[in-house]
Amino acid sequence: MKNLKQYFAITIMALVISLFSNSTFAIGNENSNDLNDFKITAVENMGTSHTDVWNLEYSNSANSIKIVKSVEKGVTQYIVRGKFLEVRYVSSKKGFGARLIKNSEAHVPSAIRDNVINLAAVKQQRIISSEPVDDQTALSLIAAYLPELVNNNYKHILQ
């Protein structure tokens, strides 16, 4: 299973890097379930903020998930927020992986987050890549791995 995940991640990275260089891209397979098909679109910066923001939508979904990038002290964080979901992915010299969102950064009440997020999956995704990744690779990995962080009873919030 671990080799399959690594193969999937490498395949996605290669596909994204070689085929897509504009602000909207989609990855997926017509024969797969809706959580394998997704679209990531850059949100235009309307203010003075230098923060990058993207919308992540899984196919046939009415729910949009925001991904907000911030960089501090050489560490890039991608805060992933949905109506009932919050998690962060971190890219640093130690690699790229998932982390729980800090309570001080949270918008969703902890009682909801604690039910939605699969803590065992967060631990498994702590290191997805042992190297730092660029934005397009990070976004593709987030879209591919995020569904695994959601407990089975709450997968519908992504659809």
C-alpha atoms as a PDB file:
ATOM      1  CA  MET A   1       0.000   0.000   0.000  1.00  0.00           C
ATOM      2  CA  LYS A   2       2.847   2.368   0.850  1.00  0.00           C
ATOM      3  CA  ASN A   3       4.529   1.689  -2.511  1.00  0.00           C
ATOM      4  CA  LEU A   4       1.224   2.287  -4.270  1.00  0.00           C
ATOM      5  CA  LYS A   5       0.842   5.659  -2.531  1.00  0.00           C
ATOM      6  CA  GLN A   6       4.389   6.631  -3.473  1.00  0.00           C
ATOM      7  CA  TYR A   7       3.789   5.547  -7.078  1.00  0.00           C
ATOM      8  CA  PHE A   8       0.530   7.527  -7.150  1.00  0.00           C
ATOM      9  CA  ALA A   9       2.226  10.622  -5.715  1.00  0.00           C
ATOM     10  CA  ILE A  10       5.113  10.434  -8.181  1.00  0.00           C
ATOM     11  CA  THR A  11       2.701   9.916 -11.064  1.00  0.00           C
ATOM     12  CA  ILE A  12       0.670  12.949 -10.028  1.00  0.00           C
ATOM     13  CA  MET A  13       3.781  15.086  -9.626  1.00  0.00           C
ATOM     14  CA  ALA A  14       5.087  14.108 -13.057  1.00  0.00           C
ATOM     15  CA  LEU A  15       1.719  14.689 -14.681  1.00  0.00           C
ATOM     16  CA  VAL A  16       1.235  18.094 -13.102  1.00  0.00           C
ATOM     17  CA  ILE A  17       4.727  19.310 -13.858  1.00  0.00           C
ATOM     18  CA  SER A  18       4.742  18.120 -17.452  1.00  0.00           C
ATOM     19  CA  LEU A  19       1.203  18.985 -18.531  1.00  0.00           C
ATOM     20  CA  PHE A  20      -0.197  21.851 -16.518  1.00  0.00           C
ATOM     21  CA  SER A  21       1.319  25.261 -16.092  1.00  0.00           C
ATOM     22  CA  ASN A  22      -1.772  27.496 -15.910  1.00  0.00           C
ATOM     23  CA  SER A  23      -3.798  28.383 -12.829  1.00  0.00           C
ATOM     24  CA  THR A  24      -6.465  25.689 -13.241  1.00  0.00           C
ATOM     25  CA  PHE A  25      -5.781  22.019 -13.588  1.00  0.00           C
ATOM     26  CA  ALA A  26      -7.585  18.748 -13.078  1.00  0.00           C
ATOM     27  CA  ILE A  27      -6.362  15.266 -12.345  1.00  0.00           C
ATOM     28  CA  GLY A  28      -8.394  12.149 -12.324  1.00  0.00           C
ATOM     29  CA  ASN A  29      -9.741   9.060 -13.955  1.00  0.00           C
ATOM     30  CA  GLU A  30     -13.201   8.665 -15.451  1.00  0.00           C
ATOM     31  CA  ASN A  31     -13.478   5.161 -13.987  1.00  0.00           C
ATOM     32  CA  SER A  32     -12.629   6.189 -10.420  1.00  0.00           C
ATOM     33  CA  ASN A  33     -14.760   7.536  -7.612  1.00  0.00           C
ATOM     34  CA  ASP A  34     -15.513  11.238  -7.202  1.00  0.00           C
ATOM     35  CA  LEU A  35     -12.721  11.844  -4.682  1.00  0.00           C
ATOM     36  CA  ASN A  36     -10.068  10.890  -7.232  1.00  0.00           C
ATOM     37  CA  ASP A  37     -11.298  13.565  -9.646  1.00  0.00           C
ATOM     38  CA  PHE A  38     -10.585  17.115  -8.582  1.00  0.00           C
ATOM     39  CA  LYS A  39      -9.986  20.633  -9.814  1.00  0.00           C
ATOM     40  CA  ILE A  40      -7.723  23.226  -8.236  1.00  0.00           C
ATOM     41  CA  THR A  41      -8.209  26.866  -9.192  1.00  0.00           C
ATOM     42  CA  ALA A  42      -6.151  29.857  -8.099  1.00  0.00           C
ATOM     43  CA  VAL A  43      -8.116  32.613  -6.386  1.00  0.00           C
ATOM     44  CA  GLU A  44      -7.172  36.080  -7.563  1.00  0.00           C
ATOM     45  CA  ASN A  45      -5.718  38.269  -4.850  1.00  0.00           C
ATOM     46  CA  MET A  46      -8.195  41.106  -4.332  1.00  0.00           C
ATOM     47  CA  GLY A  47      -6.429  42.848  -1.457  1.00  0.00           C
ATOM     48  CA  THR A  48      -2.945  43.818  -0.425  1.00  0.00           C
ATOM     49  CA  SER A  49      -2.163  40.396   1.008  1.00  0.00           C
ATOM     50  CA  HIS A  50       0.690  38.448  -0.527  1.00  0.00           C
ATOM     51  CA  THR A  51      -0.967  35.161   0.386  1.00  0.00           C
ATOM     52  CA  ASP A  52      -1.701  32.578  -2.310  1.00  0.00           C
ATOM     53  CA  VAL A  53      -5.141  30.963  -2.153  1.00  0.00           C
ATOM     54  CA  TRP A  54      -6.645  28.111  -4.161  1.00  0.00           C
ATOM     55  CA  ASN A  55     -10.047  26.437  -4.305  1.00  0.00           C
ATOM     56  CA  LEU A  56     -10.126  22.638  -4.341  1.00  0.00           C
ATOM     57  CA  GLU A  57     -13.247  20.952  -5.663  1.00  0.00           C
ATOM     58  CA  TYR A  58     -13.795  17.247  -6.018  1.00  0.00           C
ATOM     59  CA  SER A  59     -15.949  16.221  -8.973  1.00  0.00           C
ATOM     60  CA  ASN A  60     -19.715  16.574  -8.601  1.00  0.00           C
ATOM     61  CA  SER A  61     -19.205  18.499  -5.358  1.00  0.00           C
ATOM     62  CA  ALA A  62     -21.040  21.590  -4.226  1.00  0.00           C
ATOM     63  CA  ASN A  63     -18.488  22.047  -1.439  1.00  0.00           C
ATOM     64  CA  SER A  64     -15.357  24.054  -2.101  1.00  0.00           C
ATOM     65  CA  ILE A  65     -12.260  23.687   0.034  1.00  0.00           C
ATOM     66  CA  LYS A  66      -9.844  26.597   0.396  1.00  0.00           C
ATOM     67  CA  ILE A  67      -6.101  26.105   0.519  1.00  0.00           C
ATOM     68  CA  VAL A  68      -4.200  29.106   1.904  1.00  0.00           C
ATOM     69  CA  LYS A  69      -0.413  29.267   1.620  1.00  0.00           C
ATOM     70  CA  SER A  70       1.833  31.048   4.093  1.00  0.00           C
ATOM     71  CA  VAL A  71       5.616  31.096   4.372  1.00  0.00           C
ATOM     72  CA  GLU A  72       7.451  31.789   7.599  1.00  0.00           C
ATOM     73  CA  LYS A  73      11.082  31.098   8.507  1.00  0.00           C
ATOM     74  CA  GLY A  74      11.622  28.862   5.471  1.00  0.00           C
ATOM     75  CA  VAL A  75       8.569  26.718   6.201  1.00  0.00           C
ATOM     76  CA  THR A  76       5.627  26.734   3.801  1.00  0.00           C
ATOM     77  CA  GLN A  77       2.233  25.919   5.281  1.00  0.00           C
ATOM     78  CA  TYR A  78      -0.905  25.104   3.346  1.00  0.00           C
ATOM     79  CA  ILE A  79      -3.973  25.559   5.559  1.00  0.00           C
ATOM     80  CA  VAL A  80      -6.819  23.458   4.162  1.00  0.00           C
ATOM     81  CA  ARG A  81     -10.293  24.665   5.168  1.00  0.00           C
ATOM     82  CA  GLY A  82     -13.743  23.374   4.412  1.00  0.00           C
ATOM     83  CA  LYS A  83     -17.040  23.989   6.153  1.00  0.00           C
ATOM     84  CA  PHE A  84     -16.368  21.205   8.697  1.00  0.00           C
ATOM     85  CA  LEU A  85     -12.725  20.413   7.979  1.00  0.00           C
ATOM     86  CA  GLU A  86      -9.408  22.035   8.823  1.00  0.00           C
ATOM     87  CA  VAL A  87      -5.932  20.608   8.544  1.00  0.00           C
ATOM     88  CA  ARG A  88      -2.544  21.853   7.424  1.00  0.00           C
ATOM     89  CA  TYR A  89       0.181  20.489   5.239  1.00  0.00           C
ATOM     90  CA  VAL A  90       3.758  21.641   5.792  1.00  0.00           C
ATOM     91  CA  SER A  91       6.677  21.764   3.372  1.00  0.00           C
ATOM     92  CA  SER A  92      10.124  22.309   4.883  1.00  0.00           C
ATOM     93  CA  LYS A  93      13.662  20.998   4.572  1.00  0.00           C
ATOM     94  CA  LYS A  94      12.407  17.965   6.550  1.00  0.00           C
ATOM     95  CA  GLY A  95       9.865  17.144   3.838  1.00  0.00           C
ATOM     96  CA  PHE A  96       6.160  17.503   3.141  1.00  0.00           C
ATOM     97  CA  GLY A  97       3.301  16.140   5.210  1.00  0.00           C
ATOM     98  CA  ALA A  98       0.066  16.623   7.138  1.00  0.00           C
ATOM     99  CA  ARG A  99      -0.360  18.169  10.568  1.00  0.00           C
ATOM    100  CA  LEU A 100      -3.317  19.022  12.736  1.00  0.00           C
ATOM    101  CA  ILE A 101      -4.261  22.667  12.659  1.00  0.00           C
ATOM    102  CA  LYS A 102      -3.308  24.711  15.704  1.00  0.00           C
ATOM    103  CA  ASN A 103      -6.237  25.690  17.921  1.00  0.00           C
ATOM    104  CA  SER A 104      -5.204  29.338  17.581  1.00  0.00           C
ATOM    105  CA  GLU A 105      -5.618  29.089  13.773  1.00  0.00           C
ATOM    106  CA  ALA A 106      -8.849  27.102  13.809  1.00  0.00           C
ATOM    107  CA  HIS A 107     -12.171  28.395  12.516  1.00  0.00           C
ATOM    108  CA  VAL A 108     -14.043  25.097  12.946  1.00  0.00           C
ATOM    109  CA  PRO A 109     -14.835  24.098  16.563  1.00  0.00           C
ATOM    110  CA  SER A 110     -12.539  21.388  17.922  1.00  0.00           C
ATOM    111  CA  ALA A 111     -15.492  19.079  18.672  1.00  0.00           C
ATOM    112  CA  ILE A 112     -16.310  18.994  14.958  1.00  0.00           C
ATOM    113  CA  ARG A 113     -12.678  18.757  13.791  1.00  0.00           C
ATOM    114  CA  ASP A 114     -12.009  15.905  16.214  1.00  0.00           C
ATOM    115  CA  ASN A 115     -14.894  13.889  14.757  1.00  0.00           C
ATOM    116  CA  VAL A 116     -14.116  14.602  11.110  1.00  0.00           C
ATOM    117  CA  ILE A 117     -10.321  14.127  11.086  1.00  0.00           C
ATOM    118  CA  ASN A 118      -8.830  10.628  11.252  1.00  0.00           C
ATOM    119  CA  LEU A 119      -5.882  11.008  13.647  1.00  0.00           C
ATOM    120  CA  ALA A 120      -4.263   7.751  12.549  1.00  0.00           C
ATOM    121  CA  ALA A 121      -4.268   8.986   8.950  1.00  0.00           C
ATOM    122  CA  VAL A 122      -2.677  12.286  10.010  1.00  0.00           C
ATOM    123  CA  LYS A 123       0.145  10.305  11.640  1.00  0.00           C
ATOM    124  CA  GLN A 124       0.552   8.202   8.476  1.00  0.00           C
ATOM    125  CA  GLN A 125       0.721  11.340   6.344  1.00  0.00           C
ATOM    126  CA  ARG A 126       3.200  13.136   8.583  1.00  0.00           C
ATOM    127  CA  ILE A 127       5.839  12.547   5.897  1.00  0.00           C
ATOM    128  CA  ILE A 128       4.444  12.156   2.395  1.00  0.00           C
ATOM    129  CA  SER A 129       7.686  13.330   0.783  1.00  0.00           C
ATOM    130  CA  SER A 130      11.108  13.445   2.408  1.00  0.00           C
ATOM    131  CA  GLU A 131      11.944  16.529   0.326  1.00  0.00           C
ATOM    132  CA  PRO A 132      10.290  19.954   0.194  1.00  0.00           C
ATOM    133  CA  VAL A 133       7.829  20.348  -2.696  1.00  0.00           C
ATOM    134  CA  ASP A 134       6.747  23.232  -4.930  1.00  0.00           C
ATOM    135  CA  ASP A 135       3.225  24.670  -4.932  1.00  0.00           C
ATOM    136  CA  GLN A 136       1.812  22.603  -7.800  1.00  0.00           C
ATOM    137  CA  THR A 137       3.147  19.379  -6.347  1.00  0.00           C
ATOM    138  CA  ALA A 138       1.890  20.310  -2.871  1.00  0.00           C
ATOM    139  CA  LEU A 139      -1.583  21.104  -4.211  1.00  0.00           C
ATOM    140  CA  SER A 140      -1.776  17.825  -6.112  1.00  0.00           C
ATOM    141  CA  LEU A 141      -0.607  15.848  -3.088  1.00  0.00           C
ATOM    142  CA  ILE A 142      -3.095  17.632  -0.833  1.00  0.00           C
ATOM    143  CA  ALA A 143      -5.966  16.865  -3.212  1.00  0.00           C
ATOM    144  CA  ALA A 144      -4.885  13.229  -3.498  1.00  0.00           C
ATOM    145  CA  TYR A 145      -4.258  12.591   0.213  1.00  0.00           C
ATOM    146  CA  LEU A 146      -6.901  14.794   1.872  1.00  0.00           C
ATOM    147  CA  PRO A 147      -9.775  12.280   1.488  1.00  0.00           C
ATOM    148  CA  GLU A 148      -7.788   9.785   3.588  1.00  0.00           C
ATOM    149  CA  LEU A 149      -7.703  12.277   6.482  1.00  0.00           C
ATOM    150  CA  VAL A 150     -11.491  12.351   6.684  1.00  0.00           C
ATOM    151  CA  ASN A 151     -13.194   9.648   8.756  1.00  0.00           C
ATOM    152  CA  ASN A 152     -15.403   7.376   6.654  1.00  0.00           C
ATOM    153  CA  ASN A 153     -18.617   8.671   8.238  1.00  0.00           C
ATOM    154  CA  TYR A 154     -17.759  12.185   7.019  1.00  0.00           C
ATOM    155  CA  LYS A 155     -16.474  11.579   3.457  1.00  0.00           C
ATOM    156  CA  HIS A 156     -19.660  13.202   2.164  1.00  0.00           C
ATOM    157  CA  ILE A 157     -18.376  16.631   3.236  1.00  0.00           C
ATOM    158  CA  LEU A 158     -15.850  16.416   0.399  1.00  0.00           C
ATOM    159  CA  GLN A 159     -18.475  15.502  -2.186  1.00  0.00           C
END
